[in-house]
Protein backbone atom coordinates (compact mmCIF):
# COMPACT_ATOMS: atom_id res chain seq x y z
CA MET A 1 -0.01 0.04 0.03
CA ALA A 2 2.79 2.48 0.98
CA ASP A 3 4.68 1.51 -2.27
CA ALA A 4 1.44 2.53 -4.29
CA VAL A 5 1.37 5.98 -2.52
CA ILE A 6 5.03 6.53 -3.37
CA SER A 7 4.54 5.48 -6.96
CA THR A 8 1.60 8.02 -7.13
CA TYR A 9 3.58 10.98 -5.78
CA PHE A 10 7.15 10.43 -6.74
CA PRO A 11 9.21 12.11 -8.05
CA GLU A 12 7.11 15.12 -9.12
CA ARG A 13 4.60 15.38 -6.31
CA ARG A 14 6.79 14.76 -3.34
CA GLN A 15 6.17 18.10 -1.77
CA GLU A 16 2.39 17.52 -2.13
CA LEU A 17 2.69 14.36 -0.16
CA GLN A 18 4.84 16.00 2.55
CA GLN A 19 2.29 18.66 2.99
CA ALA A 20 -0.50 16.08 3.37
CA ILE A 21 1.32 14.14 6.08
CA ASP A 22 2.68 17.24 7.82
CA GLY A 23 -0.91 17.95 8.86
CA LEU A 24 -1.22 14.64 10.82
CA THR A 25 -0.08 15.81 14.18
CA SER A 26 -2.29 13.28 16.24
CA ASN A 27 -4.19 10.07 15.72
CA SER A 28 -7.44 12.00 15.46
CA ALA A 29 -6.10 14.50 12.77
CA GLU A 30 -7.97 14.17 9.60
CA LEU A 31 -6.03 13.30 6.40
CA ILE A 32 -6.90 16.11 3.84
CA THR A 33 -6.46 14.47 0.46
CA SER A 34 -8.37 13.16 -2.40
CA GLU A 35 -5.61 10.75 -3.52
CA GLU A 36 -7.04 7.20 -3.17
CA THR A 37 -3.76 5.44 -2.60
CA LEU A 38 -2.97 7.59 0.32
CA LEU A 39 -6.44 7.31 1.89
CA VAL A 40 -6.29 3.47 1.56
CA LEU A 41 -3.15 3.36 3.46
CA TYR A 42 -4.36 5.87 6.11
CA ASN A 43 -7.47 3.76 6.56
CA ASP A 44 -5.59 0.55 6.76
CA VAL A 45 -3.56 1.70 9.74
CA HIS A 46 -6.55 3.20 11.61
CA ASP A 47 -8.78 0.15 10.84
CA LYS A 48 -6.21 -2.34 12.14
CA SER A 49 -5.65 -0.28 15.33
CA GLU A 50 -9.15 -0.87 16.30
CA GLN A 51 -8.55 -4.55 16.47
CA LEU A 52 -5.67 -4.19 18.98
CA SER A 53 -6.28 -5.50 22.50
CA PRO A 54 -6.40 -2.81 25.28
CA GLU A 55 -5.01 -5.34 27.75
CA LEU A 56 -2.04 -6.24 25.50
CA LEU A 57 -1.35 -2.61 24.89
CA LYS A 58 -1.45 -1.76 28.58
CA ALA A 59 1.05 -4.51 29.44
CA GLY A 60 3.51 -3.40 26.95
CA GLN A 61 3.35 0.17 27.83
CA GLN A 62 3.73 -0.58 31.56
CA PHE A 63 6.97 -2.50 30.65
CA PHE A 64 8.21 0.57 28.61
CA ASN A 65 7.29 2.89 31.46
CA GLN A 66 9.20 0.72 33.97
CA HIS A 67 12.38 0.63 31.93
CA ALA A 68 12.13 3.66 29.67
CA SER A 69 15.47 5.33 30.33
CA ASP A 70 17.45 2.07 29.96
CA ILE A 71 15.46 1.23 26.73
CA MET A 72 16.36 4.60 25.30
CA LEU A 73 20.02 4.13 26.12
CA LEU A 74 19.91 0.72 24.41
CA LEU A 75 18.19 2.10 21.42
CA GLY A 76 21.28 4.04 20.46
CA MET A 77 23.93 1.68 21.98
CA LEU A 78 22.47 -1.65 20.88
CA SER A 79 19.43 -1.59 18.56
CA LEU A 80 20.85 0.77 15.94
CA PRO A 81 24.37 -0.84 15.60
CA TYR A 82 22.72 -4.24 15.84
CA CYS A 83 20.76 -3.25 12.63
CA TYR A 84 23.99 -2.00 10.96
CA ALA A 85 25.30 -5.50 11.05
CA ALA A 86 22.74 -6.55 8.49
CA ALA A 87 24.90 -6.15 5.45
CA ASN A 88 22.25 -5.62 2.80
CA GLY A 89 20.19 -3.42 4.91
CA ALA A 90 23.16 -1.25 5.70
CA GLU A 91 23.50 -0.73 1.99
CA VAL A 92 20.29 1.07 1.87
CA LEU A 93 21.16 3.39 4.82
CA ILE A 94 24.57 4.13 3.61
CA HIS A 95 23.16 6.14 0.73
CA SER A 96 21.57 8.62 3.21
CA LYS A 97 24.15 11.41 3.48
CA ARG A 98 22.26 12.67 6.68
CA ILE A 99 22.60 9.42 8.57
CA LEU A 100 26.42 9.44 7.95
CA GLU A 101 26.93 13.11 8.61
CA GLU A 102 24.26 13.74 11.18
CA PRO A 103 23.68 10.44 13.20
CA GLU A 104 22.33 12.43 16.08
CA LYS A 105 19.34 13.42 14.02
CA ARG A 106 18.63 9.84 13.06
CA LEU A 107 18.98 8.83 16.78
CA LEU A 108 16.65 11.54 17.84
CA GLU A 109 14.05 10.75 15.25
CA THR A 110 14.13 7.12 16.12
CA ALA A 111 13.87 7.92 19.83
CA GLU A 112 10.83 10.20 19.28
CA PHE A 113 9.08 7.50 17.24
CA VAL A 114 9.74 4.94 20.15
CA PHE A 115 8.43 7.48 22.64
CA ASN A 116 5.29 8.10 20.48
CA VAL A 117 4.43 4.52 20.03
CA CYS A 118 5.13 3.31 23.52
CA SER A 119 3.45 6.09 25.66
CA ARG A 120 0.27 5.31 27.57
CA ASN A 121 -1.78 7.60 25.22
CA ALA A 122 0.03 6.25 22.11
CA PHE A 123 -3.10 4.83 20.50
CA LYS A 124 -5.67 7.22 21.99
CA PRO A 125 -6.95 10.30 20.06
CA LYS A 126 -4.43 12.64 21.24
CA GLY A 127 -1.52 10.06 20.83
CA LYS A 128 0.77 9.93 17.84
CA ALA A 129 1.40 6.25 17.33
CA LEU A 130 -0.77 5.92 14.22
CA THR A 131 0.55 9.09 12.62
CA ASP A 132 4.05 7.99 13.34
CA ILE A 133 3.41 4.50 11.88
CA LEU A 134 1.90 5.83 8.76
CA LYS A 135 4.88 8.07 8.24
CA VAL A 136 7.36 5.25 8.79
CA ARG A 137 5.46 3.05 6.29
CA LEU A 138 5.89 5.94 3.64
CA MET A 139 9.58 6.39 4.72
CA HIS A 140 10.11 2.67 4.01
CA ALA A 141 8.48 2.75 0.66
CA ALA A 142 10.39 5.86 -0.24
CA ALA A 143 13.66 4.28 0.59
CA ARG A 144 12.68 1.31 -1.67
CA TRP A 145 11.88 3.81 -4.48
CA TYR A 146 15.22 5.65 -4.04
CA ALA A 147 17.19 2.35 -3.95
CA LYS A 148 15.59 1.21 -7.15
CA ASN A 149 15.58 4.42 -8.96
CA THR A 150 18.55 6.47 -7.95
CA ILE A 151 21.28 3.99 -7.10
CA ASP A 152 22.68 0.84 -8.71
CA TRP A 153 20.74 -1.58 -6.58
CA ASN A 154 21.10 -5.22 -7.49
CA SER A 155 18.00 -7.13 -6.19
CA GLU A 156 19.54 -10.44 -7.22
CA THR A 157 22.44 -10.05 -4.86
CA LEU A 158 21.06 -7.67 -2.35
CA GLY A 159 17.44 -8.67 -2.17
CA GLU A 160 14.57 -6.33 -2.15
CA PRO A 161 15.44 -3.03 -0.25
CA VAL A 162 13.66 -2.67 3.07
CA ASN A 163 11.98 -6.02 2.66
CA GLN A 164 9.97 -8.10 5.07
CA GLU A 165 12.91 -9.71 6.73
CA ASP A 166 14.62 -6.34 7.21
CA MET A 167 11.49 -5.00 8.95
CA ALA A 168 10.93 -8.09 11.10
CA GLY A 169 14.65 -7.90 12.15
CA THR A 170 14.18 -4.20 12.94
CA ASN A 171 11.18 -4.98 15.00
CA LEU A 172 13.10 -7.66 17.03
CA ALA A 173 15.91 -5.07 17.53
CA PHE A 174 13.45 -2.95 19.33
CA SER A 175 11.92 -5.65 21.38
CA LEU A 176 13.78 -8.98 21.97
CA VAL A 177 17.27 -7.37 21.45
CA VAL A 178 16.30 -4.66 23.96
CA ILE A 179 15.29 -7.27 26.50
CA ARG A 180 18.77 -8.85 26.05
CA GLY A 181 20.31 -5.51 26.65
CA LEU A 182 18.24 -4.96 29.82
CA LYS A 183 19.43 -8.18 31.25
CA LYS A 184 23.10 -7.09 30.48
CA LEU A 185 22.36 -3.89 32.45
CA GLY A 186 21.41 -6.03 35.48
CA LYS A 187 17.68 -5.97 35.06
CA GLY A 188 15.56 -9.04 36.14
CA ILE A 189 13.05 -9.58 33.35
CA SER A 190 10.60 -12.47 33.74
CA SER A 191 9.42 -14.48 30.75
CA ASP A 192 5.98 -13.03 30.99
CA GLU A 193 7.47 -9.42 31.07
CA ALA A 194 9.65 -10.18 28.17
CA PHE A 195 6.84 -11.51 26.00
CA SER A 196 4.58 -8.56 26.88
CA TYR A 197 7.02 -6.18 25.29
CA ILE A 198 7.73 -8.46 22.33
CA ASN A 199 4.03 -8.87 21.68
CA TYR A 200 3.53 -5.04 21.95
CA TRP A 201 6.14 -4.58 19.20
CA ASN A 202 4.35 -7.27 17.23
CA GLN A 203 1.34 -5.09 17.17
CA ILE A 204 3.43 -2.12 15.96
CA GLY A 205 5.14 -4.40 13.45
CA TRP A 206 1.59 -5.52 12.17
CA LEU A 207 0.50 -1.83 11.65
CA LEU A 208 3.96 -1.26 9.96
CA GLY A 209 3.06 -3.93 7.36
CA VAL A 210 5.14 -6.79 8.77
CA ASN A 211 3.71 -10.11 7.60
CA GLU A 212 1.98 -11.90 10.57
CA GLN A 213 4.17 -14.98 9.90
CA LEU A 214 7.13 -12.88 10.92
CA LEU A 215 5.60 -11.84 14.19
CA PRO A 216 6.57 -14.28 16.92
CA ALA A 217 3.88 -15.80 19.09
CA SER A 218 6.24 -16.82 22.07
CA ASN A 219 9.61 -16.00 23.41
CA LYS A 220 10.91 -19.19 21.88
CA GLN A 221 9.71 -18.08 18.53
CA ALA A 222 11.29 -14.78 18.82
CA TYR A 223 14.63 -16.32 19.69
CA VAL A 224 14.53 -18.66 16.63
CA LEU A 225 13.33 -15.86 14.28
CA GLU A 226 16.10 -13.40 15.52
CA ARG A 227 18.67 -16.30 15.06
CA ASN A 228 17.56 -17.22 11.67
CA ILE A 229 17.64 -13.64 10.41
CA ARG A 230 21.03 -12.91 12.03
CA GLU A 231 22.46 -15.99 10.43
CA ARG A 232 21.14 -15.04 7.04
CA GLN A 233 21.63 -11.32 7.07
CA PHE A 234 24.60 -10.45 9.39
CA LYS A 235 28.04 -10.23 7.93
CA PRO A 236 31.00 -7.72 7.90
CA SER A 237 30.52 -4.91 5.46
CA GLU A 238 32.03 -1.54 4.80
CA SER A 239 28.62 0.08 5.00
CA GLY A 240 27.99 -1.44 8.35
CA ARG A 241 31.30 -0.34 9.71
CA ARG A 242 30.90 3.27 8.43
CA LEU A 243 27.40 3.62 9.91
CA THR A 244 28.67 2.34 13.26
CA GLN A 245 31.75 4.72 13.30
CA SER A 246 29.57 7.54 12.56
CA LEU A 247 27.25 6.71 15.50
CA LEU A 248 30.31 6.24 17.76
CA ARG A 249 31.77 9.50 16.97
CA TYR A 250 28.56 11.21 18.10
CA PHE A 251 28.60 9.08 21.35
CA GLU A 252 32.13 10.29 21.98
CA VAL A 253 30.77 13.82 22.05
CA ALA A 254 27.41 13.06 23.75
CA THR A 255 28.95 11.20 26.71
CA LYS A 256 31.47 13.89 27.63
CA GLU A 257 31.30 14.61 31.37
CA SER A 258 29.24 11.58 31.90
CA PRO A 259 30.00 8.22 33.51
CA LEU A 260 30.45 6.75 30.00
CA GLN A 261 32.96 9.22 28.71
CA GLY A 262 35.60 7.55 26.80
CA GLN A 263 33.82 4.18 27.29
CA SER A 264 31.06 4.42 24.55
CA THR A 265 32.83 1.95 22.03
CA THR A 266 33.55 -0.67 24.83
CA MET A 267 29.91 -0.20 25.98
CA VAL A 268 28.46 -0.90 22.54
CA SER A 269 30.72 -3.78 22.06
CA TYR A 270 29.68 -5.29 25.51
CA LEU A 271 26.02 -4.96 24.54
CA LEU A 272 26.36 -6.35 21.02
CA GLY A 273 28.73 -9.29 22.10
CA GLU A 274 31.90 -10.29 20.46
CA ARG A 275 30.63 -11.84 17.28
CA VAL A 276 28.53 -8.84 15.98
CA SER A 277 31.11 -6.34 17.40
CA ASP A 278 33.80 -8.05 15.21
CA MET A 279 31.39 -7.73 12.15
CA LEU A 280 31.20 -4.00 12.76
CA GLY A 281 34.88 -3.48 13.30
CA LEU A 282 34.63 -2.87 16.95
CA LYS A 283 37.86 -3.72 18.66
CA SER A 284 38.22 -3.00 22.38
CA SER A 285 41.69 -3.30 23.84
CA VAL A 286 42.51 -5.40 26.77
CA ASP A 287 42.99 -2.20 28.86
CA ASP A 288 39.51 -0.87 27.65
CA THR A 289 37.83 -4.11 28.59
CA MET A 290 39.42 -4.20 32.08
CA LEU A 291 38.46 -0.48 32.85
CA PHE A 292 34.94 -1.39 31.76
CA GLN A 293 34.50 -4.34 34.22
CA PRO A 294 33.46 -2.02 37.11
CA TYR A 295 30.55 -0.69 34.92
CA LYS A 296 29.10 -4.18 34.75
CA TYR A 297 29.17 -4.60 38.55
CA PHE A 298 27.71 -1.04 38.87
CA PHE A 299 24.66 -1.98 36.70
CA LYS A 300 23.88 -4.97 38.79
CA PHE A 301 24.47 -3.13 42.13
CA GLN A 302 22.27 -0.19 41.08
CA ASN A 303 19.45 -2.49 40.08
CA ALA A 304 19.84 -4.69 43.16
CA LEU A 305 19.38 -1.65 45.40
CA SER A 306 16.93 0.14 43.13
CA LEU A 307 19.09 3.27 43.13
CA ARG A 308 17.21 4.97 40.21
CA ASN A 309 13.58 5.32 39.66
CA ASP A 310 12.68 4.94 35.96
CA SER A 311 9.69 5.95 34.21
CA TYR A 312 8.41 7.25 30.83
CA ALA A 313 8.25 10.75 32.27
CA ALA A 314 11.80 10.66 33.51
CA ALA A 315 13.06 9.32 30.27
CA LEU A 316 11.06 11.87 28.16
CA LYS A 317 12.43 14.74 30.24
CA GLN A 318 16.00 13.49 29.57
CA PHE A 319 15.18 13.20 25.82
CA LYS A 320 13.74 16.73 25.65
CA ALA A 321 16.78 18.07 27.25
CA VAL A 322 19.01 16.52 24.61
CA GLN A 323 16.68 17.58 21.89
CA ASN A 324 16.76 21.18 22.94
CA LYS A 325 20.49 21.47 23.01
């Protein structure tokens, strides 16, 4: 559906499409257009959202609220570089000059999306989940259009750009992989809690157009799906390394005068694990690794004593402070 919209508007009518979606500032905002393809996509997202279980949404939102600050930390230091290890997917992203030169903007935009789709009001009239999901579907379709029409994209060797497997992998990067990261930060996550968040992202993935067969129905299915995608898609690539280095350069600036100053590369490597880190060219020296050991114990100590209260509001306050710098 989103591809049909892009085919209708690109390239001559791009500004017209931008104006139409700029008017969507909340879930209840009316789409002002007579273009059938855009109306079909808009209605698809809204109609599907009415089928979502309020209880399921509440459970996922409660999990996010409980771990919001840590989840947002993991978004940049785990989820994004994890996605860059998917070599074919990285080939699409590398052609975005803005992602390479302004990684902070991609990180902030992604963070804003996660906040908007995970808030307690995300799917209510004044929320922004549906508008953001619609915009991401169009962004994915636009990326497919640009890959096929402006660069030398070889579908036989690289597959379709931003395909179903790419989107399913990204969905897992924001759910299952985040849960693994929380455990590395010393959080105790039960199986039920883990699946409440995975299943929450299943609903978001469904609205984003991910095939239902690629939405895991259990923790075990999520584990198997992530492993299969990783084994098929993850490998060393120049694009993945460049995207990761761009992100790390930003972290070196962003973490100045913080407990992670000078440790961002080692932190990312710790969260990703040795195999994925190697694919992305992340090499931590023995000295760096030794210096980082106390951080691991601090995470566990902090959580054992509940030294920090986490919440959506606290995380959003931190995000707004960064956004306004």
